[in-house]
Amino acid sequence: MSTRDKLITEAARLLDAGGNAAVTLRAVAQAVGVSHNAPYRHFKDRAALLSAIAERDFHSLTDMFRSSQHADGAPIERLTRALTAFICYGRDNPARYRLLFGDPDIRSAEGTLENAALETFSAFEDLVKACQKSSQLPGASAKELTGLIYAAVHGLIDLESSGRMGERKGLSVAEEGVALLLRLLGAASR
């Protein structure tokens, strides 16, 4: 593993353990066992290091969505499994999830990070299109339907992670919301 990759991996670990504030170039250098100036050979600043974490995670999510496309089962089952894996990513990596989808500096980033984020969305859109092709989701604009499902899942992840979801509000976990949404959309496609 290259020094750059080690720095990104350690920064992600620090992010997971202590949140955004725990990620400093000095802390990452110390954890990797390199000089405190070494990270600057790979990253302009802390924001560039955080962007590298986000880009790597977007690529991982893209790979997960693409693998789901080729898995066994009906298209709607593959979509459901992909959404469950996405929810688990948000649940298991809350600080990285917030970095990817809630950090305004990351949202405004351009270039390779923006391309990685759009590639993730595109891979997810392919799952939605397969469901539309098999008449398991409505024939609306694929991009709009993908955006709707993506937004709903983000909302469910946010509600669950902030503790604002519960039986008294109709849903206990994000997966229940996904199942209901896909059932309703499936019924609309018939």
Protein backbone atom coordinates (compact mmCIF):
# COMPACT_ATOMS: atom_id res chain seq x y z
CA MET A 1 0.00 0.00 0.00
CA SER A 2 1.38 3.41 -0.94
CA THR A 3 1.96 6.13 1.65
CA ARG A 4 -0.92 8.10 0.13
CA ASP A 5 -3.27 5.12 0.54
CA LYS A 6 -2.08 4.58 4.12
CA LEU A 7 -2.78 8.23 4.90
CA ILE A 8 -6.30 8.00 3.45
CA THR A 9 -6.99 4.73 5.30
CA GLU A 10 -5.77 6.14 8.60
CA ALA A 11 -7.68 9.40 8.09
CA ALA A 12 -10.86 7.37 7.51
CA ARG A 13 -10.17 5.40 10.70
CA LEU A 14 -9.69 8.63 12.66
CA LEU A 15 -12.86 10.05 11.11
CA ASP A 16 -14.81 6.95 12.14
CA ALA A 17 -13.40 7.01 15.66
CA GLY A 18 -13.57 10.70 16.45
CA GLY A 19 -15.54 12.54 13.81
CA ASN A 20 -14.44 15.27 11.46
CA ALA A 21 -12.44 17.19 14.08
CA ALA A 22 -10.21 14.15 14.74
CA VAL A 23 -8.80 14.29 11.22
CA THR A 24 -5.75 16.53 11.16
CA LEU A 25 -2.75 16.11 8.92
CA ARG A 26 -0.53 15.88 11.99
CA ALA A 27 -2.67 13.18 13.63
CA VAL A 28 -2.80 11.17 10.41
CA ALA A 29 0.97 11.45 9.96
CA GLN A 30 1.55 10.31 13.53
CA ALA A 31 -0.82 7.36 13.14
CA VAL A 32 0.89 6.24 9.92
CA GLY A 33 4.34 6.76 11.42
CA VAL A 34 5.63 9.39 8.99
CA SER A 35 6.91 12.92 9.56
CA HIS A 36 4.33 15.61 10.21
CA ASN A 37 5.18 17.15 6.83
CA ALA A 38 4.77 13.90 4.84
CA PRO A 39 0.98 14.30 4.25
CA TYR A 40 1.65 17.61 2.47
CA ARG A 41 3.49 15.69 -0.24
CA HIS A 42 0.18 14.00 -1.08
CA PHE A 43 -2.50 16.50 -0.02
CA LYS A 44 -2.59 20.28 -0.32
CA ASP A 45 -4.44 20.58 2.97
CA ARG A 46 -6.88 18.86 5.31
CA ALA A 47 -9.79 19.48 2.92
CA ALA A 48 -7.92 17.62 0.17
CA LEU A 49 -7.38 14.67 2.51
CA LEU A 50 -11.09 14.60 3.43
CA SER A 51 -11.95 14.78 -0.27
CA ALA A 52 -9.70 11.77 -0.89
CA ILE A 53 -11.60 9.80 1.77
CA ALA A 54 -14.89 10.80 0.17
CA GLU A 55 -13.70 9.91 -3.31
CA ARG A 56 -12.52 6.48 -2.18
CA ASP A 57 -15.82 5.81 -0.43
CA PHE A 58 -17.82 6.95 -3.46
CA HIS A 59 -15.83 4.45 -5.54
CA SER A 60 -16.63 1.73 -2.99
CA LEU A 61 -20.33 2.57 -3.11
CA THR A 62 -20.21 2.53 -6.92
CA ASP A 63 -18.58 -0.91 -6.84
CA MET A 64 -21.25 -2.11 -4.42
CA PHE A 65 -24.08 -0.83 -6.65
CA ARG A 66 -22.46 -2.32 -9.77
CA SER A 67 -22.02 -5.71 -8.04
CA SER A 68 -25.68 -5.61 -7.09
CA GLN A 69 -26.60 -5.26 -10.77
CA HIS A 70 -25.03 -8.64 -11.49
CA ALA A 71 -26.28 -10.49 -8.43
CA ASP A 72 -28.94 -13.18 -8.48
CA GLY A 73 -32.61 -12.37 -8.13
CA ALA A 74 -35.18 -10.13 -9.71
CA PRO A 75 -34.19 -6.50 -10.34
CA ILE A 76 -36.31 -5.25 -7.42
CA GLU A 77 -34.58 -7.75 -5.11
CA ARG A 78 -31.17 -6.54 -6.28
CA LEU A 79 -32.24 -2.93 -5.72
CA THR A 80 -33.52 -3.76 -2.24
CA ARG A 81 -30.26 -5.51 -1.31
CA ALA A 82 -28.24 -2.56 -2.66
CA LEU A 83 -30.30 -0.10 -0.63
CA THR A 84 -29.90 -2.27 2.47
CA ALA A 85 -26.13 -2.28 1.95
CA PHE A 86 -26.24 1.50 1.48
CA ILE A 87 -28.17 1.90 4.73
CA CYS A 88 -25.62 -0.33 6.48
CA TYR A 89 -22.82 1.85 5.13
CA GLY A 90 -24.49 4.91 6.66
CA ARG A 91 -25.18 3.08 9.91
CA ASP A 92 -21.68 1.57 10.21
CA ASN A 93 -19.79 4.69 9.07
CA PRO A 94 -21.82 7.68 10.26
CA ALA A 95 -18.97 10.20 10.10
CA ARG A 96 -17.97 9.13 6.60
CA TYR A 97 -21.61 9.11 5.51
CA ARG A 98 -21.96 12.71 6.78
CA LEU A 99 -18.73 13.60 4.98
CA LEU A 100 -20.04 12.27 1.66
CA PHE A 101 -23.59 13.55 1.90
CA GLY A 102 -23.64 16.34 4.48
CA ASP A 103 -20.36 18.24 4.35
CA PRO A 104 -20.85 21.47 2.37
CA ASP A 105 -17.18 21.58 1.34
CA ILE A 106 -17.44 18.08 -0.13
CA ARG A 107 -20.76 18.89 -1.83
CA SER A 108 -19.20 21.88 -3.57
CA ALA A 109 -16.07 20.00 -4.67
CA GLU A 110 -15.47 19.57 -8.37
CA GLY A 111 -13.21 17.43 -10.48
CA THR A 112 -12.49 13.82 -9.60
CA LEU A 113 -14.59 13.92 -6.42
CA GLU A 114 -17.62 15.27 -8.27
CA ASN A 115 -17.12 12.62 -10.96
CA ALA A 116 -16.92 9.89 -8.32
CA ALA A 117 -20.17 11.11 -6.71
CA LEU A 118 -21.94 11.22 -10.09
CA GLU A 119 -20.62 7.74 -10.95
CA THR A 120 -22.16 6.43 -7.72
CA PHE A 121 -25.50 8.01 -8.61
CA SER A 122 -25.26 6.59 -12.14
CA ALA A 123 -24.59 3.06 -10.85
CA PHE A 124 -27.64 3.40 -8.61
CA GLU A 125 -29.68 4.71 -11.54
CA ASP A 126 -28.81 1.55 -13.49
CA LEU A 127 -30.43 -0.53 -10.74
CA VAL A 128 -33.57 1.61 -10.94
CA LYS A 129 -33.65 1.34 -14.75
CA ALA A 130 -33.49 -2.45 -14.54
CA CYS A 131 -36.52 -2.38 -12.25
CA GLN A 132 -38.36 -0.11 -14.67
CA LYS A 133 -37.48 -2.35 -17.60
CA SER A 134 -38.99 -5.32 -15.77
CA SER A 135 -42.08 -3.21 -14.82
CA GLN A 136 -41.25 -3.46 -11.11
CA LEU A 137 -41.02 0.33 -10.80
CA PRO A 138 -43.02 3.02 -12.62
CA GLY A 139 -41.94 4.23 -16.05
CA ALA A 140 -41.30 7.84 -14.98
CA SER A 141 -38.03 9.57 -15.85
CA ALA A 142 -35.33 7.19 -14.59
CA LYS A 143 -33.18 10.07 -13.35
CA GLU A 144 -36.06 11.66 -11.43
CA LEU A 145 -37.17 8.34 -9.95
CA THR A 146 -33.58 7.55 -8.97
CA GLY A 147 -33.29 10.98 -7.35
CA LEU A 148 -36.53 10.43 -5.44
CA ILE A 149 -35.48 7.02 -4.11
CA TYR A 150 -31.96 8.27 -3.33
CA ALA A 151 -33.38 11.28 -1.44
CA ALA A 152 -35.87 9.13 0.48
CA VAL A 153 -33.16 6.70 1.55
CA HIS A 154 -30.93 9.58 2.66
CA GLY A 155 -33.83 10.90 4.72
CA LEU A 156 -34.41 7.49 6.28
CA ILE A 157 -30.72 7.11 7.13
CA ASP A 158 -30.70 10.60 8.67
CA LEU A 159 -33.83 9.95 10.73
CA GLU A 160 -32.49 6.66 12.02
CA SER A 161 -28.99 7.95 12.79
CA SER A 162 -30.33 10.94 14.70
CA GLY A 163 -32.70 8.79 16.77
CA ARG A 164 -35.82 10.42 15.32
CA MET A 165 -37.34 7.19 14.02
CA GLY A 166 -39.55 4.91 16.09
CA GLU A 167 -42.65 2.77 16.09
CA ARG A 168 -44.77 5.71 17.22
CA LYS A 169 -43.75 7.47 13.99
CA GLY A 170 -44.51 4.43 11.84
CA LEU A 171 -41.00 3.16 11.10
CA SER A 172 -38.42 1.66 13.45
CA VAL A 173 -35.52 1.20 11.04
CA ALA A 174 -34.60 2.59 7.63
CA GLU A 175 -35.07 -0.78 5.91
CA GLU A 176 -38.79 -0.67 6.77
CA GLY A 177 -39.09 2.66 4.98
CA VAL A 178 -37.27 1.32 1.92
CA ALA A 179 -39.55 -1.73 1.79
CA LEU A 180 -42.66 0.46 2.01
CA LEU A 181 -41.40 2.93 -0.60
CA LEU A 182 -40.56 0.16 -3.08
CA ARG A 183 -43.93 -1.56 -2.46
CA LEU A 184 -45.79 1.69 -3.12
CA LEU A 185 -43.73 2.43 -6.23
CA GLY A 186 -44.18 -1.15 -7.41
CA ALA A 187 -47.95 -0.87 -7.00
CA ALA A 188 -47.87 2.36 -9.02
CA SER A 189 -46.14 0.54 -11.88
CA ARG A 190 -48.98 -1.95 -12.33
